[in-house]
Amino acid sequence: MSPALFAGFWVSDLDAAIAWFSRLLGAQPVMRPNDDEAVWEIAEDRFVYVERAPDRAGHSHATVFLDDLDAFLTGAGVGPAWTETYGNGVRKAVFRDPDGNEFGVGGGPA
């Protein structure tokens, strides 16, 4: 059985977070389980969600590794805060949401 993944980000303004993550991920949430959360499916059984929690906002981070980082970067509706390339050629782009949470996206050498 392959594991499912739920990576969460605490946010102060749910509407702003939904707008930002929708631009980043190129899609609207696939579900709104309650008034304080929104969920995107980024791959089969792999989800990213935001949860309104003002006292915790800005203290979350997660990184996903993609087969085609360049395609993701081209389609992302927001630009990365920074990018880096490691000695082995692996690349990473880090995006920051309005609260300062970090969403990292990695990929193999160009």
PDB file of N, CA and C in Angstrom:
ATOM      1  N   MET A   1       0.851  -1.180   0.000  1.00  0.00           N
ATOM      2  CA  MET A   1       0.000   0.000   0.000  1.00  0.00           C
ATOM      3  C   MET A   1       0.892   1.237   0.000  1.00  0.00           C
ATOM      4  N   SER A   2       0.688   2.136  -0.952  1.00  0.00           N
ATOM      5  CA  SER A   2       1.471   3.366  -0.958  1.00  0.00           C
ATOM      6  C   SER A   2       0.785   4.401  -0.067  1.00  0.00           C
ATOM      7  N   PRO A   3       1.588   5.173   0.640  1.00  0.00           N
ATOM      8  CA  PRO A   3       1.012   6.123   1.596  1.00  0.00           C
ATOM      9  C   PRO A   3       0.404   7.342   0.910  1.00  0.00           C
ATOM     10  N   ALA A   4      -0.631   7.869   1.538  1.00  0.00           N
ATOM     11  CA  ALA A   4      -1.187   9.159   1.132  1.00  0.00           C
ATOM     12  C   ALA A   4      -0.450  10.228   1.926  1.00  0.00           C
ATOM     13  N   LEU A   5      -0.458  11.441   1.424  1.00  0.00           N
ATOM     14  CA  LEU A   5       0.233  12.529   2.087  1.00  0.00           C
ATOM     15  C   LEU A   5      -0.682  13.736   2.187  1.00  0.00           C
ATOM     16  N   PHE A   6      -0.741  14.347   3.356  1.00  0.00           N
ATOM     17  CA  PHE A   6      -1.416  15.618   3.571  1.00  0.00           C
ATOM     18  C   PHE A   6      -0.383  16.559   4.166  1.00  0.00           C
ATOM     19  N   ALA A   7       0.041  17.566   3.405  1.00  0.00           N
ATOM     20  CA  ALA A   7       0.988  18.572   3.878  1.00  0.00           C
ATOM     21  C   ALA A   7       0.207  19.856   4.126  1.00  0.00           C
ATOM     22  N   GLY A   8       0.248  20.346   5.360  1.00  0.00           N
ATOM     23  CA  GLY A   8      -0.575  21.492   5.720  1.00  0.00           C
ATOM     24  C   GLY A   8       0.216  22.751   5.997  1.00  0.00           C
ATOM     25  N   PHE A   9      -0.455  23.878   5.745  1.00  0.00           N
ATOM     26  CA  PHE A   9       0.111  25.207   5.976  1.00  0.00           C
ATOM     27  C   PHE A   9      -0.875  26.014   6.809  1.00  0.00           C
ATOM     28  N   TRP A  10      -0.409  26.562   7.918  1.00  0.00           N
ATOM     29  CA  TRP A  10      -1.236  27.419   8.748  1.00  0.00           C
ATOM     30  C   TRP A  10      -1.223  28.833   8.185  1.00  0.00           C
ATOM     31  N   VAL A  11      -2.392  29.433   8.082  1.00  0.00           N
ATOM     32  CA  VAL A  11      -2.515  30.760   7.481  1.00  0.00           C
ATOM     33  C   VAL A  11      -3.395  31.654   8.351  1.00  0.00           C
ATOM     34  N   SER A  12      -3.225  32.953   8.186  1.00  0.00           N
ATOM     35  CA  SER A  12      -4.053  33.908   8.937  1.00  0.00           C
ATOM     36  C   SER A  12      -5.292  34.314   8.155  1.00  0.00           C
ATOM     37  N   ASP A  13      -5.179  34.425   6.840  1.00  0.00           N
ATOM     38  CA  ASP A  13      -6.286  34.866   5.991  1.00  0.00           C
ATOM     39  C   ASP A  13      -6.579  33.760   4.984  1.00  0.00           C
ATOM     40  N   LEU A  14      -7.639  33.018   5.221  1.00  0.00           N
ATOM     41  CA  LEU A  14      -7.950  31.865   4.373  1.00  0.00           C
ATOM     42  C   LEU A  14      -8.203  32.262   2.928  1.00  0.00           C
ATOM     43  N   ASP A  15      -8.950  33.336   2.696  1.00  0.00           N
ATOM     44  CA  ASP A  15      -9.238  33.752   1.321  1.00  0.00           C
ATOM     45  C   ASP A  15      -7.961  34.115   0.567  1.00  0.00           C
ATOM     46  N   ALA A  16      -7.059  34.844   1.221  1.00  0.00           N
ATOM     47  CA  ALA A  16      -5.787  35.209   0.580  1.00  0.00           C
ATOM     48  C   ALA A  16      -4.951  33.963   0.299  1.00  0.00           C
ATOM     49  N   ALA A  17      -4.951  33.019   1.225  1.00  0.00           N
ATOM     50  CA  ALA A  17      -4.187  31.783   1.033  1.00  0.00           C
ATOM     51  C   ALA A  17      -4.759  30.960  -0.116  1.00  0.00           C
ATOM     52  N   ILE A  18      -6.073  30.855  -0.199  1.00  0.00           N
ATOM     53  CA  ILE A  18      -6.689  30.110  -1.298  1.00  0.00           C
ATOM     54  C   ILE A  18      -6.318  30.742  -2.631  1.00  0.00           C
ATOM     55  N   ALA A  19      -6.375  32.057  -2.712  1.00  0.00           N
ATOM     56  CA  ALA A  19      -6.018  32.742  -3.957  1.00  0.00           C
ATOM     57  C   ALA A  19      -4.556  32.480  -4.308  1.00  0.00           C
ATOM     58  N   TRP A  20      -3.661  32.594  -3.337  1.00  0.00           N
ATOM     59  CA  TRP A  20      -2.228  32.423  -3.597  1.00  0.00           C
ATOM     60  C   TRP A  20      -1.907  30.984  -3.989  1.00  0.00           C
ATOM     61  N   PHE A  21      -2.365  29.998  -3.217  1.00  0.00           N
ATOM     62  CA  PHE A  21      -2.077  28.606  -3.536  1.00  0.00           C
ATOM     63  C   PHE A  21      -2.735  28.182  -4.848  1.00  0.00           C
ATOM     64  N   SER A  22      -3.893  28.739  -5.170  1.00  0.00           N
ATOM     65  CA  SER A  22      -4.538  28.432  -6.448  1.00  0.00           C
ATOM     66  C   SER A  22      -3.691  28.925  -7.614  1.00  0.00           C
ATOM     67  N   ARG A  23      -3.084  30.108  -7.471  1.00  0.00           N
ATOM     68  CA  ARG A  23      -2.178  30.613  -8.514  1.00  0.00           C
ATOM     69  C   ARG A  23      -0.931  29.736  -8.597  1.00  0.00           C
ATOM     70  N   LEU A  24      -0.355  29.414  -7.450  1.00  0.00           N
ATOM     71  CA  LEU A  24       0.859  28.603  -7.432  1.00  0.00           C
ATOM     72  C   LEU A  24       0.623  27.231  -8.053  1.00  0.00           C
ATOM     73  N   LEU A  25      -0.461  26.577  -7.670  1.00  0.00           N
ATOM     74  CA  LEU A  25      -0.717  25.207  -8.094  1.00  0.00           C
ATOM     75  C   LEU A  25      -1.513  25.114  -9.391  1.00  0.00           C
ATOM     76  N   GLY A  26      -2.008  26.236  -9.878  1.00  0.00           N
ATOM     77  CA  GLY A  26      -2.722  26.250 -11.153  1.00  0.00           C
ATOM     78  C   GLY A  26      -4.104  25.625 -11.109  1.00  0.00           C
ATOM     79  N   ALA A  27      -4.717  25.574  -9.936  1.00  0.00           N
ATOM     80  CA  ALA A  27      -6.041  24.973  -9.801  1.00  0.00           C
ATOM     81  C   ALA A  27      -6.716  25.471  -8.527  1.00  0.00           C
ATOM     82  N   GLN A  28      -8.015  25.395  -8.521  1.00  0.00           N
ATOM     83  CA  GLN A  28      -8.784  25.707  -7.321  1.00  0.00           C
ATOM     84  C   GLN A  28      -8.753  24.498  -6.378  1.00  0.00           C
ATOM     85  N   PRO A  29      -9.055  24.694  -5.100  1.00  0.00           N
ATOM     86  CA  PRO A  29      -9.087  23.556  -4.176  1.00  0.00           C
ATOM     87  C   PRO A  29     -10.060  22.479  -4.658  1.00  0.00           C
ATOM     88  N   VAL A  30      -9.726  21.222  -4.373  1.00  0.00           N
ATOM     89  CA  VAL A  30     -10.618  20.121  -4.727  1.00  0.00           C
ATOM     90  C   VAL A  30     -11.683  19.904  -3.664  1.00  0.00           C
ATOM     91  N   MET A  31     -11.442  20.430  -2.466  1.00  0.00           N
ATOM     92  CA  MET A  31     -12.459  20.340  -1.428  1.00  0.00           C
ATOM     93  C   MET A  31     -12.244  21.386  -0.352  1.00  0.00           C
ATOM     94  N   ARG A  32     -13.352  21.709   0.308  1.00  0.00           N
ATOM     95  CA  ARG A  32     -13.371  22.607   1.468  1.00  0.00           C
ATOM     96  C   ARG A  32     -14.047  21.828   2.596  1.00  0.00           C
ATOM     97  N   PRO A  33     -13.298  21.051   3.384  1.00  0.00           N
ATOM     98  CA  PRO A  33     -13.906  20.176   4.383  1.00  0.00           C
ATOM     99  C   PRO A  33     -14.648  20.914   5.497  1.00  0.00           C
ATOM    100  N   ASN A  34     -14.291  22.183   5.721  1.00  0.00           N
ATOM    101  CA  ASN A  34     -14.972  23.002   6.724  1.00  0.00           C
ATOM    102  C   ASN A  34     -14.680  24.465   6.415  1.00  0.00           C
ATOM    103  N   ASP A  35     -15.135  25.356   7.254  1.00  0.00           N
ATOM    104  CA  ASP A  35     -14.970  26.795   7.010  1.00  0.00           C
ATOM    105  C   ASP A  35     -13.541  27.295   7.171  1.00  0.00           C
ATOM    106  N   ASP A  36     -12.655  26.458   7.707  1.00  0.00           N
ATOM    107  CA  ASP A  36     -11.290  26.894   7.991  1.00  0.00           C
ATOM    108  C   ASP A  36     -10.214  26.202   7.166  1.00  0.00           C
ATOM    109  N   GLU A  37     -10.601  25.368   6.187  1.00  0.00           N
ATOM    110  CA  GLU A  37      -9.613  24.622   5.421  1.00  0.00           C
ATOM    111  C   GLU A  37      -9.957  24.572   3.929  1.00  0.00           C
ATOM    112  N   ALA A  38      -8.910  24.449   3.124  1.00  0.00           N
ATOM    113  CA  ALA A  38      -9.049  24.211   1.685  1.00  0.00           C
ATOM    114  C   ALA A  38      -7.966  23.219   1.295  1.00  0.00           C
ATOM    115  N   VAL A  39      -8.284  22.314   0.352  1.00  0.00           N
ATOM    116  CA  VAL A  39      -7.397  21.209   0.015  1.00  0.00           C
ATOM    117  C   VAL A  39      -7.195  21.122  -1.501  1.00  0.00           C
ATOM    118  N   TRP A  40      -5.945  20.923  -1.923  1.00  0.00           N
ATOM    119  CA  TRP A  40      -5.598  20.685  -3.331  1.00  0.00           C
ATOM    120  C   TRP A  40      -4.983  19.299  -3.432  1.00  0.00           C
ATOM    121  N   GLU A  41      -5.326  18.550  -4.481  1.00  0.00           N
ATOM    122  CA  GLU A  41      -4.671  17.268  -4.741  1.00  0.00           C
ATOM    123  C   GLU A  41      -3.593  17.527  -5.794  1.00  0.00           C
ATOM    124  N   ILE A  42      -2.333  17.336  -5.412  1.00  0.00           N
ATOM    125  CA  ILE A  42      -1.234  17.628  -6.334  1.00  0.00           C
ATOM    126  C   ILE A  42      -0.781  16.387  -7.091  1.00  0.00           C
ATOM    127  N   ALA A  43      -1.165  15.217  -6.629  1.00  0.00           N
ATOM    128  CA  ALA A  43      -0.941  13.933  -7.299  1.00  0.00           C
ATOM    129  C   ALA A  43      -1.876  12.943  -6.606  1.00  0.00           C
ATOM    130  N   GLU A  44      -2.019  11.775  -7.195  1.00  0.00           N
ATOM    131  CA  GLU A  44      -2.934  10.802  -6.601  1.00  0.00           C
ATOM    132  C   GLU A  44      -2.568  10.542  -5.132  1.00  0.00           C
ATOM    133  N   ASP A  45      -3.529  10.777  -4.269  1.00  0.00           N
ATOM    134  CA  ASP A  45      -3.379  10.573  -2.821  1.00  0.00           C
ATOM    135  C   ASP A  45      -2.297  11.448  -2.183  1.00  0.00           C
ATOM    136  N   ARG A  46      -1.969  12.555  -2.807  1.00  0.00           N
ATOM    137  CA  ARG A  46      -1.017  13.524  -2.243  1.00  0.00           C
ATOM    138  C   ARG A  46      -1.682  14.893  -2.253  1.00  0.00           C
ATOM    139  N   PHE A  47      -1.840  15.460  -1.066  1.00  0.00           N
ATOM    140  CA  PHE A  47      -2.622  16.673  -0.907  1.00  0.00           C
ATOM    141  C   PHE A  47      -1.833  17.758  -0.195  1.00  0.00           C
ATOM    142  N   VAL A  48      -2.146  18.994  -0.543  1.00  0.00           N
ATOM    143  CA  VAL A  48      -1.667  20.182   0.158  1.00  0.00           C
ATOM    144  C   VAL A  48      -2.911  20.883   0.677  1.00  0.00           C
ATOM    145  N   TYR A  49      -2.865  21.314   1.915  1.00  0.00           N
ATOM    146  CA  TYR A  49      -4.017  22.036   2.443  1.00  0.00           C
ATOM    147  C   TYR A  49      -3.580  23.247   3.234  1.00  0.00           C
ATOM    148  N   VAL A  50      -4.474  24.212   3.309  1.00  0.00           N
ATOM    149  CA  VAL A  50      -4.273  25.380   4.164  1.00  0.00           C
ATOM    150  C   VAL A  50      -5.342  25.343   5.242  1.00  0.00           C
ATOM    151  N   GLU A  51      -4.957  25.783   6.414  1.00  0.00           N
ATOM    152  CA  GLU A  51      -5.875  25.820   7.550  1.00  0.00           C
ATOM    153  C   GLU A  51      -5.745  27.163   8.249  1.00  0.00           C
ATOM    154  N   ARG A  52      -6.878  27.827   8.432  1.00  0.00           N
ATOM    155  CA  ARG A  52      -6.869  29.112   9.144  1.00  0.00           C
ATOM    156  C   ARG A  52      -6.508  28.851  10.602  1.00  0.00           C
ATOM    157  N   ALA A  53      -5.368  29.409  11.017  1.00  0.00           N
ATOM    158  CA  ALA A  53      -4.873  29.296  12.389  1.00  0.00           C
ATOM    159  C   ALA A  53      -3.964  30.495  12.625  1.00  0.00           C
ATOM    160  N   PRO A  54      -4.542  31.685  12.834  1.00  0.00           N
ATOM    161  CA  PRO A  54      -3.743  32.912  12.912  1.00  0.00           C
ATOM    162  C   PRO A  54      -2.580  32.855  13.906  1.00  0.00           C
ATOM    163  N   ASP A  55      -2.746  32.148  15.013  1.00  0.00           N
ATOM    164  CA  ASP A  55      -1.672  32.085  16.006  1.00  0.00           C
ATOM    165  C   ASP A  55      -0.491  31.230  15.553  1.00  0.00           C
ATOM    166  N   ARG A  56      -0.684  30.414  14.519  1.00  0.00           N
ATOM    167  CA  ARG A  56       0.378  29.547  14.008  1.00  0.00           C
ATOM    168  C   ARG A  56       0.848  29.958  12.604  1.00  0.00           C
ATOM    169  N   ALA A  57       0.183  30.919  12.003  1.00  0.00           N
ATOM    170  CA  ALA A  57       0.450  31.306  10.608  1.00  0.00           C
ATOM    171  C   ALA A  57       1.920  31.651  10.391  1.00  0.00           C
ATOM    172  N   GLY A  58       2.430  31.215   9.235  1.00  0.00           N
ATOM    173  CA  GLY A  58       3.800  31.542   8.850  1.00  0.00           C
ATOM    174  C   GLY A  58       4.850  30.596   9.384  1.00  0.00           C
ATOM    175  N   HIS A  59       4.447  29.534  10.059  1.00  0.00           N
ATOM    176  CA  HIS A  59       5.411  28.609  10.659  1.00  0.00           C
ATOM    177  C   HIS A  59       5.352  27.219  10.027  1.00  0.00           C
ATOM    178  N   SER A  60       5.026  27.156   8.747  1.00  0.00           N
ATOM    179  CA  SER A  60       4.905  25.869   8.063  1.00  0.00           C
ATOM    180  C   SER A  60       5.833  25.833   6.851  1.00  0.00           C
ATOM    181  N   HIS A  61       6.267  24.622   6.504  1.00  0.00           N
ATOM    182  CA  HIS A  61       7.037  24.449   5.272  1.00  0.00           C
ATOM    183  C   HIS A  61       6.950  23.000   4.819  1.00  0.00           C
ATOM    184  N   ALA A  62       7.022  22.810   3.536  1.00  0.00           N
ATOM    185  CA  ALA A  62       7.026  21.477   2.929  1.00  0.00           C
ATOM    186  C   ALA A  62       7.711  21.586   1.579  1.00  0.00           C
ATOM    187  N   THR A  63       8.269  20.484   1.111  1.00  0.00           N
ATOM    188  CA  THR A  63       8.900  20.439  -0.203  1.00  0.00           C
ATOM    189  C   THR A  63       8.397  19.209  -0.952  1.00  0.00           C
ATOM    190  N   VAL A  64       8.093  19.387  -2.219  1.00  0.00           N
ATOM    191  CA  VAL A  64       7.730  18.275  -3.092  1.00  0.00           C
ATOM    192  C   VAL A  64       8.789  18.172  -4.176  1.00  0.00           C
ATOM    193  N   PHE A  65       9.034  16.967  -4.646  1.00  0.00           N
ATOM    194  CA  PHE A  65      10.008  16.734  -5.711  1.00  0.00           C
ATOM    195  C   PHE A  65       9.237  16.304  -6.941  1.00  0.00           C
ATOM    196  N   LEU A  66       9.465  16.979  -8.062  1.00  0.00           N
ATOM    197  CA  LEU A  66       8.706  16.740  -9.284  1.00  0.00           C
ATOM    198  C   LEU A  66       9.587  16.177 -10.398  1.00  0.00           C
ATOM    199  N   ASP A  67       8.954  15.453 -11.305  1.00  0.00           N
ATOM    200  CA  ASP A  67       9.668  14.935 -12.483  1.00  0.00           C
ATOM    201  C   ASP A  67      10.064  16.066 -13.424  1.00  0.00           C
ATOM    202  N   ASP A  68       9.237  17.118 -13.500  1.00  0.00           N
ATOM    203  CA  ASP A  68       9.489  18.203 -14.446  1.00  0.00           C
ATOM    204  C   ASP A  68       9.370  19.555 -13.742  1.00  0.00           C
ATOM    205  N   LEU A  69      10.428  19.931 -13.062  1.00  0.00           N
ATOM    206  CA  LEU A  69      10.443  21.200 -12.337  1.00  0.00           C
ATOM    207  C   LEU A  69      10.250  22.379 -13.282  1.00  0.00           C
ATOM    208  N   ASP A  70      10.855  22.325 -14.455  1.00  0.00           N
ATOM    209  CA  ASP A  70      10.744  23.443 -15.389  1.00  0.00           C
ATOM    210  C   ASP A  70       9.297  23.684 -15.810  1.00  0.00           C
ATOM    211  N   ALA A  71       8.554  22.622 -16.067  1.00  0.00           N
ATOM    212  CA  ALA A  71       7.140  22.775 -16.439  1.00  0.00           C
ATOM    213  C   ALA A  71       6.356  23.409 -15.305  1.00  0.00           C
ATOM    214  N   PHE A  72       6.644  23.004 -14.071  1.00  0.00           N
ATOM    215  CA  PHE A  72       5.949  23.599 -12.933  1.00  0.00           C
ATOM    216  C   PHE A  72       6.262  25.091 -12.837  1.00  0.00           C
ATOM    217  N   LEU A  73       7.536  25.436 -12.937  1.00  0.00           N
ATOM    218  CA  LEU A  73       7.937  26.840 -12.818  1.00  0.00           C
ATOM    219  C   LEU A  73       7.322  27.696 -13.923  1.00  0.00           C
ATOM    220  N   THR A  74       7.235  27.142 -15.120  1.00  0.00           N
ATOM    221  CA  THR A  74       6.628  27.865 -16.239  1.00  0.00           C
ATOM    222  C   THR A  74       5.148  28.106 -15.997  1.00  0.00           C
ATOM    223  N   GLY A  75       4.458  27.142 -15.400  1.00  0.00           N
ATOM    224  CA  GLY A  75       3.023  27.257 -15.194  1.00  0.00           C
ATOM    225  C   GLY A  75       2.608  27.913 -13.890  1.00  0.00           C
ATOM    226  N   ALA A  76       3.539  28.075 -12.960  1.00  0.00           N
ATOM    227  CA  ALA A  76       3.190  28.666 -11.665  1.00  0.00           C
ATOM    228  C   ALA A  76       2.750  30.113 -11.839  1.00  0.00           C
ATOM    229  N   GLY A  77       1.695  30.469 -11.152  1.00  0.00           N
ATOM    230  CA  GLY A  77       1.166  31.824 -11.243  1.00  0.00           C
ATOM    231  C   GLY A  77       1.848  32.813 -10.317  1.00  0.00           C
ATOM    232  N   VAL A  78       2.844  32.368  -9.570  1.00  0.00           N
ATOM    233  CA  VAL A  78       3.646  33.240  -8.714  1.00  0.00           C
ATOM    234  C   VAL A  78       5.100  32.839  -8.891  1.00  0.00           C
ATOM    235  N   GLY A  79       5.990  33.768  -8.656  1.00  0.00           N
ATOM    236  CA  GLY A  79       7.417  33.473  -8.794  1.00  0.00           C
ATOM    237  C   GLY A  79       8.018  33.016  -7.486  1.00  0.00           C
ATOM    238  N   PRO A  80       9.113  32.259  -7.568  1.00  0.00           N
ATOM    239  CA  PRO A  80       9.767  31.793  -6.348  1.00  0.00           C
ATOM    240  C   PRO A  80      10.468  32.936  -5.618  1.00  0.00           C
ATOM    241  N   ALA A  81      10.564  32.787  -4.297  1.00  0.00           N
ATOM    242  CA  ALA A  81      11.326  33.734  -3.483  1.00  0.00           C
ATOM    243  C   ALA A  81      12.813  33.574  -3.777  1.00  0.00           C
ATOM    244  N   TRP A  82      13.236  32.337  -4.000  1.00  0.00           N
ATOM    245  CA  TRP A  82      14.602  32.070  -4.413  1.00  0.00           C
ATOM    246  C   TRP A  82      14.694  30.678  -5.019  1.00  0.00           C
ATOM    247  N   THR A  83      15.794  30.458  -5.733  1.00  0.00           N
ATOM    248  CA  THR A  83      16.087  29.145  -6.295  1.00  0.00           C
ATOM    249  C   THR A  83      17.522  28.789  -5.946  1.00  0.00           C
ATOM    250  N   GLU A  84      17.810  27.501  -5.950  1.00  0.00           N
ATOM    251  CA  GLU A  84      19.179  27.074  -5.717  1.00  0.00           C
ATOM    252  C   GLU A  84      19.440  25.776  -6.469  1.00  0.00           C
ATOM    253  N   THR A  85      20.697  25.547  -6.772  1.00  0.00           N
ATOM    254  CA  THR A  85      21.120  24.318  -7.423  1.00  0.00           C
ATOM    255  C   THR A  85      22.221  23.711  -6.561  1.00  0.00           C
ATOM    256  N   TYR A  86      22.039  22.451  -6.205  1.00  0.00           N
ATOM    257  CA  TYR A  86      23.013  21.754  -5.373  1.00  0.00           C
ATOM    258  C   TYR A  86      24.146  21.202  -6.233  1.00  0.00           C
ATOM    259  N   GLY A  87      25.227  20.784  -5.604  1.00  0.00           N
ATOM    260  CA  GLY A  87      26.397  20.295  -6.314  1.00  0.00           C
ATOM    261  C   GLY A  87      26.116  19.128  -7.249  1.00  0.00           C
ATOM    262  N   ASN A  88      25.099  18.333  -6.952  1.00  0.00           N
ATOM    263  CA  ASN A  88      24.770  17.186  -7.803  1.00  0.00           C
ATOM    264  C   ASN A  88      23.796  17.559  -8.924  1.00  0.00           C
ATOM    265  N   GLY A  89      23.475  18.857  -9.040  1.00  0.00           N
ATOM    266  CA  GLY A  89      22.590  19.326 -10.102  1.00  0.00           C
ATOM    267  C   GLY A  89      21.123  19.395  -9.724  1.00  0.00           C
ATOM    268  N   VAL A  90      20.747  18.821  -8.582  1.00  0.00           N
ATOM    269  CA  VAL A  90      19.358  18.909  -8.122  1.00  0.00           C
ATOM    270  C   VAL A  90      19.027  20.368  -7.862  1.00  0.00           C
ATOM    271  N   ARG A  91      17.825  20.750  -8.296  1.00  0.00           N
ATOM    272  CA  ARG A  91      17.404  22.144  -8.175  1.00  0.00           C
ATOM    273  C   ARG A  91      16.216  22.263  -7.231  1.00  0.00           C
ATOM    274  N   LYS A  92      16.080  23.445  -6.635  1.00  0.00           N
ATOM    275  CA  LYS A  92      14.967  23.712  -5.725  1.00  0.00           C
ATOM    276  C   LYS A  92      14.533  25.164  -5.887  1.00  0.00           C
ATOM    277  N   ALA A  93      13.219  25.352  -5.914  1.00  0.00           N
ATOM    278  CA  ALA A  93      12.631  26.688  -5.919  1.00  0.00           C
ATOM    279  C   ALA A  93      11.768  26.791  -4.671  1.00  0.00           C
ATOM    280  N   VAL A  94      11.892  27.891  -3.960  1.00  0.00           N
ATOM    281  CA  VAL A  94      11.121  28.086  -2.733  1.00  0.00           C
ATOM    282  C   VAL A  94      10.168  29.251  -2.926  1.00  0.00           C
ATOM    283  N   PHE A  95       8.904  28.991  -2.651  1.00  0.00           N
ATOM    284  CA  PHE A  95       7.847  29.996  -2.745  1.00  0.00           C
ATOM    285  C   PHE A  95       7.402  30.347  -1.338  1.00  0.00           C
ATOM    286  N   ARG A  96       7.063  31.614  -1.107  1.00  0.00           N
ATOM    287  CA  ARG A  96       6.552  32.055   0.200  1.00  0.00           C
ATOM    288  C   ARG A  96       5.147  32.598   0.032  1.00  0.00           C
ATOM    289  N   ASP A  97       4.225  32.062   0.828  1.00  0.00           N
ATOM    290  CA  ASP A  97       2.850  32.558   0.777  1.00  0.00           C
ATOM    291  C   ASP A  97       2.750  33.875   1.539  1.00  0.00           C
ATOM    292  N   PRO A  98       1.592  34.538   1.564  1.00  0.00           N
ATOM    293  CA  PRO A  98       1.474  35.838   2.227  1.00  0.00           C
ATOM    294  C   PRO A  98       1.845  35.827   3.716  1.00  0.00           C
ATOM    295  N   ASP A  99       1.756  34.664   4.389  1.00  0.00           N
ATOM    296  CA  ASP A  99       2.127  34.571   5.805  1.00  0.00           C
ATOM    297  C   ASP A  99       3.599  34.238   6.001  1.00  0.00           C
ATOM    298  N   GLY A 100       4.314  33.910   4.926  1.00  0.00           N
ATOM    299  CA  GLY A 100       5.720  33.537   5.036  1.00  0.00           C
ATOM    300  C   GLY A 100       5.963  32.045   5.068  1.00  0.00           C
ATOM    301  N   ASN A 101       4.909  31.214   4.979  1.00  0.00           N
ATOM    302  CA  ASN A 101       5.092  29.773   4.872  1.00  0.00           C
ATOM    303  C   ASN A 101       5.898  29.474   3.618  1.00  0.00           C
ATOM    304  N   GLU A 102       6.715  28.433   3.672  1.00  0.00           N
ATOM    305  CA  GLU A 102       7.550  28.075   2.533  1.00  0.00           C
ATOM    306  C   GLU A 102       7.057  26.800   1.867  1.00  0.00           C
ATOM    307  N   PHE A 103       6.848  26.880   0.560  1.00  0.00           N
ATOM    308  CA  PHE A 103       6.479  25.744  -0.259  1.00  0.00           C
ATOM    309  C   PHE A 103       7.630  25.524  -1.226  1.00  0.00           C
ATOM    310  N   GLY A 104       8.404  24.477  -1.003  1.00  0.00           N
ATOM    311  CA  GLY A 104       9.546  24.184  -1.855  1.00  0.00           C
ATOM    312  C   GLY A 104       9.181  23.198  -2.942  1.00  0.00           C
ATOM    313  N   VAL A 105       9.783  23.382  -4.115  1.00  0.00           N
ATOM    314  CA  VAL A 105       9.568  22.486  -5.248  1.00  0.00           C
ATOM    315  C   VAL A 105      10.948  22.120  -5.791  1.00  0.00           C
ATOM    316  N   GLY A 106      11.241  20.826  -5.792  1.00  0.00           N
ATOM    317  CA  GLY A 106      12.538  20.370  -6.245  1.00  0.00           C
ATOM    318  C   GLY A 106      12.426  19.563  -7.522  1.00  0.00           C
ATOM    319  N   GLY A 107      13.555  19.416  -8.199  1.00  0.00           N
ATOM    320  CA  GLY A 107      13.609  18.623  -9.411  1.00  0.00           C
ATOM    321  C   GLY A 107      15.018  18.244  -9.739  1.00  0.00           C
ATOM    322  N   GLY A 108      15.161  17.276 -10.632  1.00  0.00           N
ATOM    323  CA  GLY A 108      16.474  16.808 -11.034  1.00  0.00           C
ATOM    324  C   GLY A 108      17.221  17.843 -11.865  1.00  0.00           C
ATOM    325  N   PRO A 109      18.431  17.530 -12.229  1.00  0.00           N
ATOM    326  CA  PRO A 109      19.233  18.453 -13.043  1.00  0.00           C
ATOM    327  C   PRO A 109      18.516  18.848 -14.330  1.00  0.00           C
ATOM    328  N   ALA A 110      18.761  20.057 -14.781  1.00  0.00           N
ATOM    329  CA  ALA A 110      18.110  20.576 -16.009  1.00  0.00           C
ATOM    330  C   ALA A 110      18.545  19.785 -17.210  1.00  0.00           C
TER     331      ALA A 110
END
